[in-house]
């Protein structure tokens, strides 16, 4: 069991690197503008990868970016075929990582509380 989790981590890191590099230098879809890959989780059988991304902009921009990423998934998977030494290449699913938004909101609330306690 321990070996499989290490393998999952290795595959996830390769997926992250390949996708991040491709988004910077190769994917030309205008919807995929300011996208940052924040993390990748791979299923235990390596058949699925959940790619978490952070997107700058409004909610509409984020939805368009997810559409662009879904559109580029086939191309990205083909790139992964060359980079991974596995029998199966994971299906890619993209999801917004709202961690940064949540952190900013919490920081804002804490700042408000600090201001109120000083008044």
PDB file of N, CA and C in Angstrom:
ATOM      1  N   UNK A   1       0.837  -1.207   0.000  1.00  0.00           N
ATOM      2  CA  UNK A   1       0.000   0.000   0.000  1.00  0.00           C
ATOM      3  C   UNK A   1       0.873   1.259   0.000  1.00  0.00           C
ATOM      4  N   UNK A   2       1.946   1.220   0.772  1.00  0.00           N
ATOM      5  CA  UNK A   2       2.821   2.381   0.861  1.00  0.00           C
ATOM      6  C   UNK A   2       3.405   2.733  -0.515  1.00  0.00           C
ATOM      7  N   UNK A   3       3.815   1.714  -1.267  1.00  0.00           N
ATOM      8  CA  UNK A   3       4.385   1.944  -2.588  1.00  0.00           C
ATOM      9  C   UNK A   3       3.410   2.607  -3.541  1.00  0.00           C
ATOM     10  N   UNK A   4       2.132   2.230  -3.458  1.00  0.00           N
ATOM     11  CA  UNK A   4       1.157   2.806  -4.377  1.00  0.00           C
ATOM     12  C   UNK A   4       0.941   4.291  -4.099  1.00  0.00           C
ATOM     13  N   UNK A   5       0.973   4.684  -2.821  1.00  0.00           N
ATOM     14  CA  UNK A   5       0.772   6.108  -2.546  1.00  0.00           C
ATOM     15  C   UNK A   5       1.975   6.920  -3.040  1.00  0.00           C
ATOM     16  N   UNK A   6       3.151   6.355  -2.951  1.00  0.00           N
ATOM     17  CA  UNK A   6       4.347   7.027  -3.481  1.00  0.00           C
ATOM     18  C   UNK A   6       4.214   7.154  -4.998  1.00  0.00           C
ATOM     19  N   UNK A   7       3.741   6.111  -5.640  1.00  0.00           N
ATOM     20  CA  UNK A   7       3.555   6.142  -7.091  1.00  0.00           C
ATOM     21  C   UNK A   7       2.516   7.199  -7.465  1.00  0.00           C
ATOM     22  N   UNK A   8       1.440   7.275  -6.712  1.00  0.00           N
ATOM     23  CA  UNK A   8       0.413   8.291  -6.962  1.00  0.00           C
ATOM     24  C   UNK A   8       1.024   9.691  -6.859  1.00  0.00           C
ATOM     25  N   UNK A   9       1.844   9.900  -5.842  1.00  0.00           N
ATOM     26  CA  UNK A   9       2.479  11.211  -5.662  1.00  0.00           C
ATOM     27  C   UNK A   9       3.391  11.547  -6.835  1.00  0.00           C
ATOM     28  N   UNK A  10       4.145  10.548  -7.302  1.00  0.00           N
ATOM     29  CA  UNK A  10       5.044  10.779  -8.439  1.00  0.00           C
ATOM     30  C   UNK A  10       4.252  11.135  -9.694  1.00  0.00           C
ATOM     31  N   UNK A  11       3.194  10.381  -9.954  1.00  0.00           N
ATOM     32  CA  UNK A  11       2.367  10.647 -11.134  1.00  0.00           C
ATOM     33  C   UNK A  11       1.706  12.017 -11.007  1.00  0.00           C
ATOM     34  N   UNK A  12       1.191  12.331  -9.824  1.00  0.00           N
ATOM     35  CA  UNK A  12       0.539  13.634  -9.603  1.00  0.00           C
ATOM     36  C   UNK A  12       1.519  14.775  -9.856  1.00  0.00           C
ATOM     37  N   UNK A  13       2.752  14.627  -9.386  1.00  0.00           N
ATOM     38  CA  UNK A  13       3.748  15.685  -9.584  1.00  0.00           C
ATOM     39  C   UNK A  13       4.100  15.827 -11.065  1.00  0.00           C
ATOM     40  N   UNK A  14       4.219  14.727 -11.773  1.00  0.00           N
ATOM     41  CA  UNK A  14       4.497  14.792 -13.209  1.00  0.00           C
ATOM     42  C   UNK A  14       3.339  15.451 -13.945  1.00  0.00           C
ATOM     43  N   UNK A  15       2.118  15.078 -13.592  1.00  0.00           N
ATOM     44  CA  UNK A  15       0.930  15.690 -14.200  1.00  0.00           C
ATOM     45  C   UNK A  15       0.951  17.196 -13.951  1.00  0.00           C
ATOM     46  N   UNK A  16       1.231  17.594 -12.714  1.00  0.00           N
ATOM     47  CA  UNK A  16       1.269  19.019 -12.371  1.00  0.00           C
ATOM     48  C   UNK A  16       2.300  19.760 -13.218  1.00  0.00           C
ATOM     49  N   UNK A  17       3.506  19.203 -13.310  1.00  0.00           N
ATOM     50  CA  UNK A  17       4.578  19.869 -14.064  1.00  0.00           C
ATOM     51  C   UNK A  17       4.254  19.983 -15.546  1.00  0.00           C
ATOM     52  N   UNK A  18       3.795  18.887 -16.131  1.00  0.00           N
ATOM     53  CA  UNK A  18       3.505  18.878 -17.574  1.00  0.00           C
ATOM     54  C   UNK A  18       2.388  19.863 -17.905  1.00  0.00           C
ATOM     55  N   UNK A  19       1.331  19.861 -17.096  1.00  0.00           N
ATOM     56  CA  UNK A  19       0.213  20.772 -17.365  1.00  0.00           C
ATOM     57  C   UNK A  19       0.623  22.222 -17.142  1.00  0.00           C
ATOM     58  N   UNK A  20       1.321  22.494 -16.048  1.00  0.00           N
ATOM     59  CA  UNK A  20       1.749  23.871 -15.778  1.00  0.00           C
ATOM     60  C   UNK A  20       2.644  24.388 -16.898  1.00  0.00           C
ATOM     61  N   UNK A  21       3.601  23.574 -17.354  1.00  0.00           N
ATOM     62  CA  UNK A  21       4.487  23.993 -18.445  1.00  0.00           C
ATOM     63  C   UNK A  21       3.702  24.229 -19.734  1.00  0.00           C
ATOM     64  N   UNK A  22       2.782  23.325 -20.042  1.00  0.00           N
ATOM     65  CA  UNK A  22       2.000  23.457 -21.272  1.00  0.00           C
ATOM     66  C   UNK A  22       1.118  24.705 -21.232  1.00  0.00           C
ATOM     67  N   UNK A  23       0.549  25.000 -20.073  1.00  0.00           N
ATOM     68  CA  UNK A  23      -0.315  26.185 -19.970  1.00  0.00           C
ATOM     69  C   UNK A  23       0.481  27.464 -20.203  1.00  0.00           C
ATOM     70  N   UNK A  24       1.728  27.478 -19.752  1.00  0.00           N
ATOM     71  CA  UNK A  24       2.563  28.667 -19.921  1.00  0.00           C
ATOM     72  C   UNK A  24       3.035  28.816 -21.364  1.00  0.00           C
ATOM     73  N   UNK A  25       3.452  27.718 -21.986  1.00  0.00           N
ATOM     74  CA  UNK A  25       4.143  27.856 -23.258  1.00  0.00           C
ATOM     75  C   UNK A  25       3.412  27.337 -24.492  1.00  0.00           C
ATOM     76  N   UNK A  26       2.362  26.516 -24.317  1.00  0.00           N
ATOM     77  CA  UNK A  26       1.791  25.886 -25.501  1.00  0.00           C
ATOM     78  C   UNK A  26       0.301  26.107 -25.706  1.00  0.00           C
ATOM     79  N   UNK A  27      -0.486  26.126 -24.648  1.00  0.00           N
ATOM     80  CA  UNK A  27      -1.933  26.262 -24.791  1.00  0.00           C
ATOM     81  C   UNK A  27      -2.246  27.700 -25.180  1.00  0.00           C
ATOM     82  N   UNK A  28      -2.868  27.854 -26.342  1.00  0.00           N
ATOM     83  CA  UNK A  28      -3.127  29.193 -26.890  1.00  0.00           C
ATOM     84  C   UNK A  28      -4.572  29.647 -26.721  1.00  0.00           C
ATOM     85  N   UNK A  29      -5.373  28.876 -26.019  1.00  0.00           N
ATOM     86  CA  UNK A  29      -6.786  29.219 -25.829  1.00  0.00           C
ATOM     87  C   UNK A  29      -6.870  30.497 -24.992  1.00  0.00           C
ATOM     88  N   UNK A  30      -7.496  31.554 -25.524  1.00  0.00           N
ATOM     89  CA  UNK A  30      -7.568  32.810 -24.777  1.00  0.00           C
ATOM     90  C   UNK A  30      -8.348  32.693 -23.460  1.00  0.00           C
ATOM     91  N   UNK A  31      -9.199  31.688 -23.350  1.00  0.00           N
ATOM     92  CA  UNK A  31      -9.948  31.505 -22.099  1.00  0.00           C
ATOM     93  C   UNK A  31      -9.031  31.075 -20.968  1.00  0.00           C
ATOM     94  N   UNK A  32      -7.923  30.437 -21.319  1.00  0.00           N
ATOM     95  CA  UNK A  32      -6.981  29.934 -20.319  1.00  0.00           C
ATOM     96  C   UNK A  32      -5.878  30.979 -20.158  1.00  0.00           C
ATOM     97  N   UNK A  33      -6.254  32.105 -19.574  1.00  0.00           N
ATOM     98  CA  UNK A  33      -5.313  33.205 -19.417  1.00  0.00           C
ATOM     99  C   UNK A  33      -4.433  33.040 -18.203  1.00  0.00           C
ATOM    100  N   UNK A  34      -4.898  33.536 -17.080  1.00  0.00           N
ATOM    101  CA  UNK A  34      -4.097  33.519 -15.859  1.00  0.00           C
ATOM    102  C   UNK A  34      -4.504  32.341 -14.986  1.00  0.00           C
ATOM    103  N   UNK A  35      -4.045  31.160 -15.373  1.00  0.00           N
ATOM    104  CA  UNK A  35      -4.369  29.936 -14.651  1.00  0.00           C
ATOM    105  C   UNK A  35      -3.113  29.411 -13.976  1.00  0.00           C
ATOM    106  N   UNK A  36      -3.227  29.080 -12.710  1.00  0.00           N
ATOM    107  CA  UNK A  36      -2.126  28.480 -11.964  1.00  0.00           C
ATOM    108  C   UNK A  36      -2.572  27.115 -11.463  1.00  0.00           C
ATOM    109  N   UNK A  37      -1.761  26.095 -11.714  1.00  0.00           N
ATOM    110  CA  UNK A  37      -2.061  24.767 -11.201  1.00  0.00           C
ATOM    111  C   UNK A  37      -1.620  24.747  -9.736  1.00  0.00           C
ATOM    112  N   UNK A  38      -2.579  24.541  -8.836  1.00  0.00           N
ATOM    113  CA  UNK A  38      -2.266  24.571  -7.404  1.00  0.00           C
ATOM    114  C   UNK A  38      -2.082  23.188  -6.801  1.00  0.00           C
ATOM    115  N   UNK A  39      -2.573  22.156  -7.478  1.00  0.00           N
ATOM    116  CA  UNK A  39      -2.402  20.811  -6.955  1.00  0.00           C
ATOM    117  C   UNK A  39      -3.031  19.777  -7.865  1.00  0.00           C
ATOM    118  N   UNK A  40      -2.581  18.540  -7.699  1.00  0.00           N
ATOM    119  CA  UNK A  40      -3.123  17.431  -8.479  1.00  0.00           C
ATOM    120  C   UNK A  40      -3.302  16.241  -7.547  1.00  0.00           C
ATOM    121  N   UNK A  41      -4.453  15.593  -7.636  1.00  0.00           N
ATOM    122  CA  UNK A  41      -4.712  14.344  -6.916  1.00  0.00           C
ATOM    123  C   UNK A  41      -4.963  13.266  -7.952  1.00  0.00           C
ATOM    124  N   UNK A  42      -4.334  12.105  -7.762  1.00  0.00           N
ATOM    125  CA  UNK A  42      -4.482  11.009  -8.707  1.00  0.00           C
ATOM    126  C   UNK A  42      -5.142   9.841  -7.986  1.00  0.00           C
ATOM    127  N   UNK A  43      -6.092   9.188  -8.677  1.00  0.00           N
ATOM    128  CA  UNK A  43      -6.775   8.028  -8.087  1.00  0.00           C
ATOM    129  C   UNK A  43      -5.773   6.889  -7.882  1.00  0.00           C
ATOM    130  N   UNK A  44      -6.109   5.956  -6.998  1.00  0.00           N
ATOM    131  CA  UNK A  44      -5.183   4.870  -6.658  1.00  0.00           C
ATOM    132  C   UNK A  44      -4.841   4.000  -7.865  1.00  0.00           C
ATOM    133  N   UNK A  45      -5.762   3.894  -8.843  1.00  0.00           N
ATOM    134  CA  UNK A  45      -5.463   3.099 -10.038  1.00  0.00           C
ATOM    135  C   UNK A  45      -4.841   3.948 -11.155  1.00  0.00           C
ATOM    136  N   UNK A  46      -4.546   5.204 -10.849  1.00  0.00           N
ATOM    137  CA  UNK A  46      -3.894   6.152 -11.766  1.00  0.00           C
ATOM    138  C   UNK A  46      -4.735   6.468 -13.007  1.00  0.00           C
ATOM    139  N   UNK A  47      -6.036   6.177 -12.961  1.00  0.00           N
ATOM    140  CA  UNK A  47      -6.867   6.388 -14.153  1.00  0.00           C
ATOM    141  C   UNK A  47      -7.514   7.772 -14.200  1.00  0.00           C
ATOM    142  N   UNK A  48      -7.537   8.467 -13.070  1.00  0.00           N
ATOM    143  CA  UNK A  48      -8.150   9.801 -13.021  1.00  0.00           C
ATOM    144  C   UNK A  48      -7.249  10.765 -12.252  1.00  0.00           C
ATOM    145  N   UNK A  49      -7.212  11.991 -12.745  1.00  0.00           N
ATOM    146  CA  UNK A  49      -6.457  13.041 -12.060  1.00  0.00           C
ATOM    147  C   UNK A  49      -7.361  14.256 -11.891  1.00  0.00           C
ATOM    148  N   UNK A  50      -7.449  14.740 -10.669  1.00  0.00           N
ATOM    149  CA  UNK A  50      -8.168  15.977 -10.387  1.00  0.00           C
ATOM    150  C   UNK A  50      -7.126  17.085 -10.311  1.00  0.00           C
ATOM    151  N   UNK A  51      -7.234  18.025 -11.217  1.00  0.00           N
ATOM    152  CA  UNK A  51      -6.274  19.119 -11.304  1.00  0.00           C
ATOM    153  C   UNK A  51      -6.933  20.364 -10.727  1.00  0.00           C
ATOM    154  N   UNK A  52      -6.404  20.850  -9.607  1.00  0.00           N
ATOM    155  CA  UNK A  52      -6.939  22.056  -8.986  1.00  0.00           C
ATOM    156  C   UNK A  52      -6.195  23.267  -9.539  1.00  0.00           C
ATOM    157  N   UNK A  53      -6.991  24.275  -9.931  1.00  0.00           N
ATOM    158  CA  UNK A  53      -6.400  25.470 -10.527  1.00  0.00           C
ATOM    159  C   UNK A  53      -6.938  26.728  -9.854  1.00  0.00           C
ATOM    160  N   UNK A  54      -6.094  27.731  -9.858  1.00  0.00           N
ATOM    161  CA  UNK A  54      -6.490  29.053  -9.385  1.00  0.00           C
ATOM    162  C   UNK A  54      -6.540  29.947 -10.623  1.00  0.00           C
ATOM    163  N   UNK A  55      -7.600  30.757 -10.712  1.00  0.00           N
ATOM    164  CA  UNK A  55      -7.790  31.602 -11.885  1.00  0.00           C
ATOM    165  C   UNK A  55      -8.022  33.032 -11.424  1.00  0.00           C
ATOM    166  N   UNK A  56      -7.285  33.951 -12.025  1.00  0.00           N
ATOM    167  CA  UNK A  56      -7.478  35.367 -11.725  1.00  0.00           C
ATOM    168  C   UNK A  56      -8.731  35.857 -12.440  1.00  0.00           C
ATOM    169  N   UNK A  57      -9.443  36.807 -11.819  1.00  0.00           N
ATOM    170  CA  UNK A  57     -10.577  37.416 -12.497  1.00  0.00           C
ATOM    171  C   UNK A  57     -11.903  37.150 -11.818  1.00  0.00           C
ATOM    172  N   UNK A  58     -12.946  37.534 -12.529  1.00  0.00           N
ATOM    173  CA  UNK A  58     -14.311  37.391 -12.037  1.00  0.00           C
ATOM    174  C   UNK A  58     -14.785  35.953 -12.200  1.00  0.00           C
ATOM    175  N   UNK A  59     -15.952  35.641 -11.630  1.00  0.00           N
ATOM    176  CA  UNK A  59     -16.504  34.289 -11.730  1.00  0.00           C
ATOM    177  C   UNK A  59     -16.695  33.861 -13.188  1.00  0.00           C
ATOM    178  N   UNK A  60     -17.118  34.789 -14.039  1.00  0.00           N
ATOM    179  CA  UNK A  60     -17.317  34.461 -15.466  1.00  0.00           C
ATOM    180  C   UNK A  60     -15.988  34.069 -16.101  1.00  0.00           C
ATOM    181  N   UNK A  61     -14.902  34.767 -15.739  1.00  0.00           N
ATOM    182  CA  UNK A  61     -13.570  34.441 -16.258  1.00  0.00           C
ATOM    183  C   UNK A  61     -13.153  33.042 -15.807  1.00  0.00           C
ATOM    184  N   UNK A  62     -13.496  32.721 -14.570  1.00  0.00           N
ATOM    185  CA  UNK A  62     -13.127  31.419 -14.013  1.00  0.00           C
ATOM    186  C   UNK A  62     -13.863  30.297 -14.729  1.00  0.00           C
ATOM    187  N   UNK A  63     -15.150  30.519 -14.998  1.00  0.00           N
ATOM    188  CA  UNK A  63     -15.926  29.506 -15.727  1.00  0.00           C
ATOM    189  C   UNK A  63     -15.374  29.317 -17.139  1.00  0.00           C
ATOM    190  N   UNK A  64     -15.024  30.431 -17.804  1.00  0.00           N
ATOM    191  CA  UNK A  64     -14.462  30.338 -19.152  1.00  0.00           C
ATOM    192  C   UNK A  64     -13.127  29.598 -19.123  1.00  0.00           C
ATOM    193  N   UNK A  65     -12.328  29.857 -18.105  1.00  0.00           N
ATOM    194  CA  UNK A  65     -11.035  29.180 -17.980  1.00  0.00           C
ATOM    195  C   UNK A  65     -11.230  27.672 -17.817  1.00  0.00           C
ATOM    196  N   UNK A  66     -12.219  27.280 -16.995  1.00  0.00           N
ATOM    197  CA  UNK A  66     -12.494  25.848 -16.816  1.00  0.00           C
ATOM    198  C   UNK A  66     -12.951  25.216 -18.134  1.00  0.00           C
ATOM    199  N   UNK A  67     -13.755  25.951 -18.906  1.00  0.00           N
ATOM    200  CA  UNK A  67     -14.186  25.450 -20.222  1.00  0.00           C
ATOM    201  C   UNK A  67     -12.987  25.276 -21.147  1.00  0.00           C
ATOM    202  N   UNK A  68     -12.093  26.256 -21.129  1.00  0.00           N
ATOM    203  CA  UNK A  68     -10.884  26.184 -21.954  1.00  0.00           C
ATOM    204  C   UNK A  68      -9.996  25.016 -21.554  1.00  0.00           C
ATOM    205  N   UNK A  69      -9.876  24.796 -20.241  1.00  0.00           N
ATOM    206  CA  UNK A  69      -9.067  23.672 -19.760  1.00  0.00           C
ATOM    207  C   UNK A  69      -9.688  22.346 -20.167  1.00  0.00           C
ATOM    208  N   UNK A  70     -11.008  22.243 -20.049  1.00  0.00           N
ATOM    209  CA  UNK A  70     -11.690  21.015 -20.460  1.00  0.00           C
ATOM    210  C   UNK A  70     -11.475  20.777 -21.956  1.00  0.00           C
ATOM    211  N   UNK A  71     -11.503  21.848 -22.724  1.00  0.00           N
ATOM    212  CA  UNK A  71     -11.277  21.756 -24.162  1.00  0.00           C
ATOM    213  C   UNK A  71      -9.856  21.298 -24.484  1.00  0.00           C
ATOM    214  N   UNK A  72      -8.893  21.702 -23.666  1.00  0.00           N
ATOM    215  CA  UNK A  72      -7.485  21.361 -23.894  1.00  0.00           C
ATOM    216  C   UNK A  72      -7.099  20.019 -23.267  1.00  0.00           C
ATOM    217  N   UNK A  73      -8.026  19.370 -22.570  1.00  0.00           N
ATOM    218  CA  UNK A  73      -7.707  18.143 -21.824  1.00  0.00           C
ATOM    219  C   UNK A  73      -7.122  17.056 -22.724  1.00  0.00           C
ATOM    220  N   UNK A  74      -7.665  16.876 -23.904  1.00  0.00           N
ATOM    221  CA  UNK A  74      -7.150  15.855 -24.819  1.00  0.00           C
ATOM    222  C   UNK A  74      -5.708  16.118 -25.213  1.00  0.00           C
ATOM    223  N   UNK A  75      -5.419  17.371 -25.538  1.00  0.00           N
ATOM    224  CA  UNK A  75      -4.051  17.766 -25.888  1.00  0.00           C
ATOM    225  C   UNK A  75      -3.116  17.533 -24.699  1.00  0.00           C
ATOM    226  N   UNK A  76      -3.561  17.939 -23.510  1.00  0.00           N
ATOM    227  CA  UNK A  76      -2.727  17.782 -22.314  1.00  0.00           C
ATOM    228  C   UNK A  76      -2.484  16.311 -21.998  1.00  0.00           C
ATOM    229  N   UNK A  77      -3.506  15.495 -22.210  1.00  0.00           N
ATOM    230  CA  UNK A  77      -3.356  14.050 -21.985  1.00  0.00           C
ATOM    231  C   UNK A  77      -2.343  13.457 -22.952  1.00  0.00           C
ATOM    232  N   UNK A  78      -2.356  13.919 -24.188  1.00  0.00           N
ATOM    233  CA  UNK A  78      -1.382  13.439 -25.175  1.00  0.00           C
ATOM    234  C   UNK A  78       0.038  13.795 -24.731  1.00  0.00           C
ATOM    235  N   UNK A  79       0.205  14.985 -24.175  1.00  0.00           N
ATOM    236  CA  UNK A  79       1.521  15.377 -23.644  1.00  0.00           C
ATOM    237  C   UNK A  79       1.915  14.471 -22.481  1.00  0.00           C
ATOM    238  N   UNK A  80       0.946  14.113 -21.653  1.00  0.00           N
ATOM    239  CA  UNK A  80       1.225  13.247 -20.502  1.00  0.00           C
ATOM    240  C   UNK A  80       1.634  11.847 -20.956  1.00  0.00           C
ATOM    241  N   UNK A  81       1.080  11.393 -22.073  1.00  0.00           N
ATOM    242  CA  UNK A  81       1.429  10.069 -22.596  1.00  0.00           C
ATOM    243  C   UNK A  81       2.938   9.968 -22.807  1.00  0.00           C
ATOM    244  N   UNK A  82       3.538  11.055 -23.272  1.00  0.00           N
ATOM    245  CA  UNK A  82       4.986  11.067 -23.519  1.00  0.00           C
ATOM    246  C   UNK A  82       5.779  11.182 -22.213  1.00  0.00           C
ATOM    247  N   UNK A  83       5.210  11.861 -21.217  1.00  0.00           N
ATOM    248  CA  UNK A  83       5.955  12.130 -19.979  1.00  0.00           C
ATOM    249  C   UNK A  83       5.829  11.018 -18.942  1.00  0.00           C
ATOM    250  N   UNK A  84       4.712  10.318 -18.948  1.00  0.00           N
ATOM    251  CA  UNK A  84       4.483   9.277 -17.943  1.00  0.00           C
ATOM    252  C   UNK A  84       4.930   7.920 -18.468  1.00  0.00           C
ATOM    253  N   UNK A  85       5.491   7.146 -17.586  1.00  0.00           N
ATOM    254  CA  UNK A  85       5.877   5.776 -17.966  1.00  0.00           C
ATOM    255  C   UNK A  85       4.892   4.804 -17.329  1.00  0.00           C
ATOM    256  N   UNK A  86       3.633   5.022 -17.574  1.00  0.00           N
ATOM    257  CA  UNK A  86       2.588   4.168 -17.015  1.00  0.00           C
ATOM    258  C   UNK A  86       1.759   3.601 -18.151  1.00  0.00           C
ATOM    259  N   UNK A  87       1.102   2.487 -17.887  1.00  0.00           N
ATOM    260  CA  UNK A  87       0.262   1.871 -18.904  1.00  0.00           C
ATOM    261  C   UNK A  87      -0.944   2.745 -19.196  1.00  0.00           C
ATOM    262  N   UNK A  88      -1.501   3.341 -18.141  1.00  0.00           N
ATOM    263  CA  UNK A  88      -2.662   4.207 -18.331  1.00  0.00           C
ATOM    264  C   UNK A  88      -2.264   5.657 -18.067  1.00  0.00           C
ATOM    265  N   UNK A  89      -2.875   6.537 -18.820  1.00  0.00           N
ATOM    266  CA  UNK A  89      -2.692   7.974 -18.615  1.00  0.00           C
ATOM    267  C   UNK A  89      -3.994   8.477 -18.027  1.00  0.00           C
ATOM    268  N   UNK A  90      -3.917   9.189 -16.900  1.00  0.00           N
ATOM    269  CA  UNK A  90      -5.159   9.585 -16.230  1.00  0.00           C
ATOM    270  C   UNK A  90      -6.046  10.511 -17.064  1.00  0.00           C
ATOM    271  N   UNK A  91      -7.355  10.292 -16.923  1.00  0.00           N
ATOM    272  CA  UNK A  91      -8.335  11.243 -17.452  1.00  0.00           C
ATOM    273  C   UNK A  91      -8.203  12.496 -16.594  1.00  0.00           C
ATOM    274  N   UNK A  92      -8.282  13.657 -17.220  1.00  0.00           N
ATOM    275  CA  UNK A  92      -8.100  14.910 -16.482  1.00  0.00           C
ATOM    276  C   UNK A  92      -9.434  15.569 -16.184  1.00  0.00           C
ATOM    277  N   UNK A  93      -9.574  16.022 -14.952  1.00  0.00           N
ATOM    278  CA  UNK A  93     -10.745  16.809 -14.560  1.00  0.00           C
ATOM    279  C   UNK A  93     -10.211  18.042 -13.841  1.00  0.00           C
ATOM    280  N   UNK A  94     -10.724  19.193 -14.216  1.00  0.00           N
ATOM    281  CA  UNK A  94     -10.251  20.455 -13.649  1.00  0.00           C
ATOM    282  C   UNK A  94     -11.277  21.008 -12.672  1.00  0.00           C
ATOM    283  N   UNK A  95     -10.774  21.573 -11.585  1.00  0.00           N
ATOM    284  CA  UNK A  95     -11.640  22.125 -10.534  1.00  0.00           C
ATOM    285  C   UNK A  95     -10.988  23.402 -10.011  1.00  0.00           C
ATOM    286  N   UNK A  96     -11.827  24.395  -9.743  1.00  0.00           N
ATOM    287  CA  UNK A  96     -11.299  25.637  -9.165  1.00  0.00           C
ATOM    288  C   UNK A  96     -10.843  25.400  -7.737  1.00  0.00           C
ATOM    289  N   UNK A  97      -9.668  25.897  -7.424  1.00  0.00           N
ATOM    290  CA  UNK A  97      -9.151  25.857  -6.063  1.00  0.00           C
ATOM    291  C   UNK A  97      -9.474  27.217  -5.448  1.00  0.00           C
ATOM    292  N   UNK A  98     -10.402  27.222  -4.546  1.00  0.00           N
ATOM    293  CA  UNK A  98     -10.837  28.481  -3.939  1.00  0.00           C
ATOM    294  C   UNK A  98     -10.084  28.776  -2.641  1.00  0.00           C
ATOM    295  N   UNK A  99      -9.032  28.041  -2.389  1.00  0.00           N
ATOM    296  CA  UNK A  99      -8.251  28.214  -1.162  1.00  0.00           C
ATOM    297  C   UNK A  99      -7.729  29.630  -0.987  1.00  0.00           C
ATOM    298  N   UNK A 100      -7.202  30.209  -2.069  1.00  0.00           N
ATOM    299  CA  UNK A 100      -6.666  31.573  -1.972  1.00  0.00           C
ATOM    300  C   UNK A 100      -7.783  32.577  -1.694  1.00  0.00           C
ATOM    301  N   UNK A 101      -8.935  32.375  -2.340  1.00  0.00           N
ATOM    302  CA  UNK A 101     -10.076  33.262  -2.089  1.00  0.00           C
ATOM    303  C   UNK A 101     -10.522  33.154  -0.635  1.00  0.00           C
ATOM    304  N   UNK A 102     -10.607  31.918  -0.140  1.00  0.00           N
ATOM    305  CA  UNK A 102     -11.027  31.712   1.248  1.00  0.00           C
ATOM    306  C   UNK A 102     -10.024  32.340   2.214  1.00  0.00           C
ATOM    307  N   UNK A 103      -8.745  32.167   1.925  1.00  0.00           N
ATOM    308  CA  UNK A 103      -7.709  32.743   2.790  1.00  0.00           C
ATOM    309  C   UNK A 103      -7.817  34.269   2.806  1.00  0.00           C
ATOM    310  N   UNK A 104      -8.050  34.871   1.637  1.00  0.00           N
ATOM    311  CA  UNK A 104      -8.181  36.326   1.560  1.00  0.00           C
ATOM    312  C   UNK A 104      -9.408  36.791   2.335  1.00  0.00           C
ATOM    313  N   UNK A 105     -10.493  36.061   2.226  1.00  0.00           N
ATOM    314  CA  UNK A 105     -11.724  36.423   2.945  1.00  0.00           C
ATOM    315  C   UNK A 105     -11.523  36.310   4.450  1.00  0.00           C
ATOM    316  N   UNK A 106     -10.868  35.259   4.904  1.00  0.00           N
ATOM    317  CA  UNK A 106     -10.589  35.089   6.335  1.00  0.00           C
ATOM    318  C   UNK A 106      -9.696  36.222   6.826  1.00  0.00           C
ATOM    319  N   UNK A 107      -8.692  36.562   6.032  1.00  0.00           N
ATOM    320  CA  UNK A 107      -7.780  37.662   6.398  1.00  0.00           C
ATOM    321  C   UNK A 107      -8.561  38.964   6.527  1.00  0.00           C
ATOM    322  N   UNK A 108      -9.492  39.195   5.601  1.00  0.00           N
ATOM    323  CA  UNK A 108     -10.327  40.396   5.619  1.00  0.00           C
ATOM    324  C   UNK A 108     -11.193  40.432   6.888  1.00  0.00           C
ATOM    325  N   UNK A 109     -11.798  39.295   7.233  1.00  0.00           N
ATOM    326  CA  UNK A 109     -12.635  39.225   8.438  1.00  0.00           C
ATOM    327  C   UNK A 109     -11.814  39.462   9.706  1.00  0.00           C
ATOM    328  N   UNK A 110     -10.623  38.877   9.750  1.00  0.00           N
ATOM    329  CA  UNK A 110      -9.749  39.074  10.916  1.00  0.00           C
ATOM    330  C   UNK A 110      -9.333  40.545  11.043  1.00  0.00           C
ATOM    331  N   UNK A 111      -9.048  41.176   9.914  1.00  0.00           N
ATOM    332  CA  UNK A 111      -8.680  42.602   9.933  1.00  0.00           C
ATOM    333  C   UNK A 111      -9.847  43.428  10.457  1.00  0.00           C
ATOM    334  N   UNK A 112     -11.078  43.096  10.030  1.00  0.00           N
ATOM    335  CA  UNK A 112     -12.269  43.801  10.522  1.00  0.00           C
ATOM    336  C   UNK A 112     -12.400  43.633  12.028  1.00  0.00           C
ATOM    337  N   UNK A 113     -12.193  42.413  12.504  1.00  0.00           N
ATOM    338  CA  UNK A 113     -12.292  42.156  13.948  1.00  0.00           C
ATOM    339  C   UNK A 113     -11.240  42.945  14.725  1.00  0.00           C
ATOM    340  N   UNK A 114     -10.035  43.000  14.187  1.00  0.00           N
ATOM    341  CA  UNK A 114      -8.963  43.764  14.855  1.00  0.00           C
ATOM    342  C   UNK A 114      -9.327  45.240  14.920  1.00  0.00           C
ATOM    343  N   UNK A 115      -9.869  45.765  13.826  1.00  0.00           N
ATOM    344  CA  UNK A 115     -10.262  47.181  13.815  1.00  0.00           C
ATOM    345  C   UNK A 115     -11.358  47.446  14.844  1.00  0.00           C
ATOM    346  N   UNK A 116     -12.344  46.542  14.904  1.00  0.00           N
ATOM    347  CA  UNK A 116     -13.453  46.712  15.851  1.00  0.00           C
ATOM    348  C   UNK A 116     -12.962  46.640  17.289  1.00  0.00           C
ATOM    349  N   UNK A 117     -11.984  45.785  17.548  1.00  0.00           N
ATOM    350  CA  UNK A 117     -11.494  45.649  18.938  1.00  0.00           C
ATOM    351  C   UNK A 117     -10.663  46.857  19.361  1.00  0.00           C
ATOM    352  N   UNK A 118     -10.129  47.610  18.403  1.00  0.00           N
ATOM    353  CA  UNK A 118      -9.351  48.798  18.722  1.00  0.00           C
ATOM    354  C   UNK A 118     -10.216  50.053  18.848  1.00  0.00           C
ATOM    355  N   UNK A 119     -11.454  49.963  18.408  1.00  0.00           N
ATOM    356  CA  UNK A 119     -12.350  51.145  18.478  1.00  0.00           C
ATOM    357  C   UNK A 119     -12.949  51.330  19.844  1.00  0.00           C
TER     358      UNK A 119
END
